[in-house]
Amino acid sequence: MLGKLIKYDFKALAKNMFPIYALMIALTFACSLMIRFNLERSFVFGIAMFAWVVSMSSSFAITIWMTVMRFYHGLLKNEGYLSFALPVKTATHILAKAFNALIWAVVEVIALGICALIFAFTVAPLRDLMEAFKYFFTIDADFYLMLLQMALLGALELLAGDCLFFAAFSIAHLFDRHQKLIAGVFVVLMFILRGFLFPPRFSMEFGPGSEFVLLHPLLFIIPLALTIVYSLVTWYILDKKLNLQ
């Protein structure tokens, strides 16, 4: 049943998410081509560049919003597949939602990576690309470890953000009115509380004999722990308070 829930949610989200990522990649290619052919002063480039910056900067927020809305309408509003999944424990529903959020977090990171590669390979001169390609084979392994850590951290933060909204909407459904407002207030309060308890700092350290920095393990532990806490809050409210089963 868990596999069915994950597959159902993935297909539902894919109809909206893949076109968004495709548009982001297409805008990246268009802007990089115009830069390549020195068309930066054209009016079309200004519009395309503005659209590209907006799409890139808001892509994480869009990913979170779409997965959260899937949770809101699919679980709390009792729409869609719940008609054949009612016997399943609430924890299974939450696990399916969280797993899909993680999948789309990874897809988001991959899409951003594709955009970066497209921009680099389109804008940079061929000679520079060849030199960079040769340089990659001589780079210390810690460089690739750093890239992997950054990608993993981005995916974990997206997952934690999704689970925060899951918990927020679950709490808001304990009230009869202004549910979205209450959810929004809860999210803001949690961000403030997190900033107070865990002040944002990019704790890094140099690897032994390496010029590249390694992210501190605490940066990964915090979003992972918050994901577990938010999921437990969501499970408790849905299972014990709202009784959606």
Protein backbone atom coordinates (compact mmCIF):
# COMPACT_ATOMS: atom_id res chain seq x y z
CA MET A 1 0.00 0.00 0.00
CA LEU A 2 2.87 2.36 0.75
CA GLY A 3 4.16 1.86 -2.78
CA LYS A 4 0.74 2.71 -4.22
CA LEU A 5 0.51 5.88 -2.17
CA ILE A 6 3.99 7.01 -3.22
CA LYS A 7 3.29 6.23 -6.89
CA TYR A 8 -0.07 8.00 -6.82
CA ASP A 9 1.37 11.14 -5.22
CA PHE A 10 4.40 11.16 -7.52
CA LYS A 11 2.26 11.01 -10.66
CA ALA A 12 -0.05 13.73 -9.36
CA LEU A 13 2.87 16.04 -8.56
CA ALA A 14 4.78 15.21 -11.74
CA LYS A 15 2.04 16.77 -13.87
CA ASN A 16 2.88 20.16 -12.35
CA MET A 17 6.51 19.84 -11.28
CA PHE A 18 8.13 18.55 -14.46
CA PRO A 19 6.76 21.45 -16.58
CA ILE A 20 8.08 23.89 -13.95
CA TYR A 21 11.56 22.35 -14.01
CA ALA A 22 11.46 22.14 -17.82
CA LEU A 23 10.64 25.86 -18.00
CA MET A 24 13.49 26.66 -15.60
CA ILE A 25 15.95 24.66 -17.72
CA ALA A 26 14.65 26.21 -20.96
CA LEU A 27 15.05 29.73 -19.53
CA THR A 28 18.58 28.87 -18.44
CA PHE A 29 19.44 27.72 -21.95
CA ALA A 30 17.83 30.78 -23.56
CA CYS A 31 19.59 33.27 -21.28
CA SER A 32 22.96 31.56 -21.61
CA LEU A 33 22.63 31.54 -25.41
CA MET A 34 21.87 35.26 -25.47
CA ILE A 35 24.89 35.90 -23.24
CA ARG A 36 26.99 33.73 -25.55
CA PHE A 37 26.01 35.81 -28.57
CA ASN A 38 26.32 39.17 -26.73
CA LEU A 39 22.61 39.98 -26.70
CA GLU A 40 22.56 41.20 -23.11
CA ARG A 41 21.32 44.67 -24.06
CA SER A 42 18.20 43.48 -25.86
CA PHE A 43 14.73 43.90 -24.37
CA VAL A 44 14.01 40.20 -24.82
CA PHE A 45 17.08 39.31 -22.79
CA GLY A 46 15.90 41.53 -19.92
CA ILE A 47 12.55 39.77 -19.80
CA ALA A 48 14.10 36.32 -20.13
CA MET A 49 16.71 37.08 -17.47
CA PHE A 50 14.06 38.36 -15.06
CA ALA A 51 11.95 35.24 -15.60
CA TRP A 52 15.02 33.04 -15.15
CA VAL A 53 16.07 34.71 -11.89
CA VAL A 54 12.52 34.42 -10.52
CA SER A 55 12.25 30.75 -11.50
CA MET A 56 15.64 29.86 -10.02
CA SER A 57 15.17 31.79 -6.78
CA SER A 58 11.64 30.51 -6.19
CA SER A 59 12.17 26.90 -7.27
CA PHE A 60 12.73 25.63 -3.72
CA ALA A 61 9.64 27.46 -2.47
CA ILE A 62 7.56 26.13 -5.37
CA THR A 63 8.72 22.56 -4.69
CA ILE A 64 7.77 22.83 -1.03
CA TRP A 65 4.45 24.51 -1.81
CA MET A 66 3.38 21.88 -4.36
CA THR A 67 4.21 18.94 -2.06
CA VAL A 68 2.50 20.66 0.87
CA MET A 69 -0.64 21.33 -1.16
CA ARG A 70 -0.63 17.67 -2.16
CA PHE A 71 -0.62 16.79 1.54
CA TYR A 72 -3.32 19.37 2.30
CA HIS A 73 -5.76 18.27 -0.39
CA GLY A 74 -4.89 14.58 -0.48
CA LEU A 75 -4.90 13.80 3.24
CA LEU A 76 -6.56 16.53 5.28
CA LYS A 77 -9.29 17.21 2.71
CA ASN A 78 -9.82 13.47 2.20
CA GLU A 79 -9.57 13.65 -1.59
CA GLY A 80 -8.42 11.17 -4.19
CA TYR A 81 -6.79 7.90 -3.15
CA LEU A 82 -7.94 7.93 0.48
CA SER A 83 -11.10 6.15 -0.62
CA PHE A 84 -9.11 2.92 -1.09
CA ALA A 85 -6.51 3.56 1.63
CA LEU A 86 -8.65 4.09 4.70
CA PRO A 87 -7.51 0.90 6.49
CA VAL A 88 -3.89 2.00 6.30
CA LYS A 89 -2.37 3.53 9.41
CA THR A 90 -1.90 7.30 9.46
CA ALA A 91 1.85 6.78 9.78
CA THR A 92 1.86 5.17 6.32
CA HIS A 93 0.21 8.23 4.79
CA ILE A 94 2.73 10.55 6.41
CA LEU A 95 5.63 8.33 5.36
CA ALA A 96 4.40 8.35 1.77
CA LYS A 97 4.08 12.15 1.80
CA ALA A 98 7.52 12.59 3.36
CA PHE A 99 9.12 10.14 0.93
CA ASN A 100 7.61 11.99 -2.01
CA ALA A 101 8.85 15.26 -0.55
CA LEU A 102 12.34 13.76 -0.40
CA ILE A 103 12.07 12.54 -4.00
CA TRP A 104 11.13 16.00 -5.22
CA ALA A 105 13.85 17.56 -3.11
CA VAL A 106 16.38 15.38 -4.95
CA VAL A 107 14.76 16.20 -8.30
CA GLU A 108 14.97 19.90 -7.41
CA VAL A 109 18.71 19.60 -6.69
CA ILE A 110 19.24 17.69 -9.95
CA ALA A 111 17.30 20.32 -11.93
CA LEU A 112 19.43 23.11 -10.44
CA GLY A 113 22.56 21.12 -11.26
CA ILE A 114 21.42 20.72 -14.87
CA CYS A 115 20.83 24.48 -15.07
CA ALA A 116 24.32 25.16 -13.75
CA LEU A 117 25.87 22.79 -16.29
CA ILE A 118 23.88 24.26 -19.16
CA PHE A 119 24.91 27.77 -18.20
CA ALA A 120 28.57 26.82 -17.86
CA PHE A 121 28.80 24.85 -21.10
CA THR A 122 26.93 27.49 -23.09
CA VAL A 123 28.52 30.69 -21.81
CA ALA A 124 32.13 29.63 -21.24
CA PRO A 125 34.54 29.45 -24.23
CA LEU A 126 35.35 25.95 -25.45
CA ARG A 127 39.01 26.31 -24.49
CA ASP A 128 38.09 27.17 -20.92
CA LEU A 129 35.71 24.23 -20.78
CA MET A 130 38.43 21.84 -21.92
CA GLU A 131 40.80 23.21 -19.29
CA ALA A 132 38.11 22.89 -16.63
CA PHE A 133 37.34 19.34 -17.77
CA LYS A 134 41.00 18.38 -17.39
CA TYR A 135 41.15 20.12 -14.02
CA PHE A 136 38.27 18.04 -12.66
CA PHE A 137 40.40 14.91 -12.89
CA THR A 138 43.09 16.47 -10.72
CA ILE A 139 40.81 17.85 -8.01
CA ASP A 140 41.06 16.46 -4.50
CA ALA A 141 38.31 14.01 -3.59
CA ASP A 142 37.15 16.37 -0.84
CA PHE A 143 35.83 18.74 -3.53
CA TYR A 144 33.34 16.13 -4.73
CA LEU A 145 32.53 15.27 -1.13
CA MET A 146 31.76 18.95 -0.53
CA LEU A 147 29.42 19.04 -3.56
CA LEU A 148 27.70 15.88 -2.38
CA GLN A 149 27.27 17.32 1.11
CA MET A 150 25.78 20.55 -0.25
CA ALA A 151 23.32 18.61 -2.41
CA LEU A 152 22.37 16.40 0.54
CA LEU A 153 21.96 19.41 2.82
CA GLY A 154 19.68 21.11 0.29
CA ALA A 155 17.52 17.97 0.03
CA LEU A 156 17.30 17.62 3.82
CA GLU A 157 16.33 21.26 4.27
CA LEU A 158 13.59 20.87 1.65
CA LEU A 159 12.32 17.74 3.38
CA ALA A 160 12.33 19.51 6.77
CA GLY A 161 10.44 22.43 5.24
CA ASP A 162 7.80 20.10 3.81
CA CYS A 163 7.33 18.28 7.10
CA LEU A 164 7.07 21.62 8.92
CA PHE A 165 4.14 22.58 6.70
CA PHE A 166 2.60 19.12 7.19
CA ALA A 167 2.67 19.69 10.95
CA ALA A 168 1.43 23.27 10.55
CA PHE A 169 -1.63 22.32 8.52
CA SER A 170 -2.36 19.41 10.85
CA ILE A 171 -2.33 21.75 13.86
CA ALA A 172 -4.42 24.31 11.98
CA HIS A 173 -7.10 21.66 11.37
CA LEU A 174 -7.73 21.51 15.09
CA PHE A 175 -9.45 24.88 14.60
CA ASP A 176 -12.66 25.53 12.69
CA ARG A 177 -11.67 28.86 11.13
CA HIS A 178 -8.65 30.62 9.62
CA GLN A 179 -6.78 27.36 9.18
CA LYS A 180 -4.31 28.60 6.55
CA LEU A 181 -3.59 31.70 8.61
CA ILE A 182 -2.92 29.60 11.70
CA ALA A 183 -0.65 27.31 9.68
CA GLY A 184 1.28 30.31 8.38
CA VAL A 185 1.72 31.76 11.86
CA PHE A 186 2.96 28.40 13.14
CA VAL A 187 5.53 28.15 10.32
CA VAL A 188 6.83 31.66 11.05
CA LEU A 189 7.08 30.91 14.77
CA MET A 190 8.99 27.70 14.07
CA PHE A 191 11.45 29.54 11.83
CA ILE A 192 12.00 32.15 14.56
CA LEU A 193 12.42 29.44 17.20
CA ARG A 194 14.89 27.56 15.04
CA GLY A 195 16.88 30.72 14.42
CA PHE A 196 16.97 31.37 18.16
CA LEU A 197 17.95 27.82 19.18
CA PHE A 198 20.24 27.13 16.22
CA PRO A 199 21.63 30.44 14.93
CA PRO A 200 22.39 30.19 11.18
CA ARG A 201 26.08 29.64 10.73
CA PHE A 202 27.93 27.83 8.04
CA SER A 203 30.14 25.71 10.26
CA MET A 204 32.87 24.34 8.03
CA GLU A 205 36.28 22.86 8.45
CA PHE A 206 39.15 22.07 6.12
CA GLY A 207 39.78 18.45 5.35
CA PRO A 208 43.23 17.10 6.26
CA GLY A 209 45.66 18.32 3.64
CA SER A 210 42.85 19.68 1.47
CA GLU A 211 41.95 23.17 0.29
CA PHE A 212 38.22 22.37 0.27
CA VAL A 213 35.91 22.76 3.22
CA LEU A 214 33.70 20.08 4.72
CA LEU A 215 30.32 20.90 6.21
CA HIS A 216 29.89 20.29 9.91
CA PRO A 217 27.73 17.21 10.72
CA LEU A 218 25.43 19.36 12.88
CA LEU A 219 24.15 21.07 9.72
CA PHE A 220 22.70 17.72 8.62
CA ILE A 221 21.55 16.55 12.03
CA ILE A 222 19.36 19.62 12.65
CA PRO A 223 17.06 19.33 9.57
CA LEU A 224 16.93 15.54 9.98
CA ALA A 225 15.91 15.85 13.64
CA LEU A 226 13.34 18.52 12.80
CA THR A 227 11.90 16.28 10.08
CA ILE A 228 11.37 13.51 12.64
CA VAL A 229 9.81 15.90 15.18
CA TYR A 230 7.44 17.47 12.65
CA SER A 231 6.43 14.03 11.37
CA LEU A 232 5.66 12.81 14.90
CA VAL A 233 3.56 15.92 15.56
CA THR A 234 1.66 15.35 12.32
CA TRP A 235 1.12 11.68 13.10
CA TYR A 236 -0.13 12.41 16.63
CA ILE A 237 -2.65 15.02 15.50
CA LEU A 238 -3.98 13.04 12.53
CA ASP A 239 -4.16 9.76 14.40
CA LYS A 240 -5.21 10.87 17.88
CA LYS A 241 -7.02 14.16 17.37
CA LEU A 242 -8.51 14.38 13.88
CA ASN A 243 -8.97 10.61 13.46
CA LEU A 244 -8.91 10.69 9.66
CA GLN A 245 -8.71 6.94 9.41
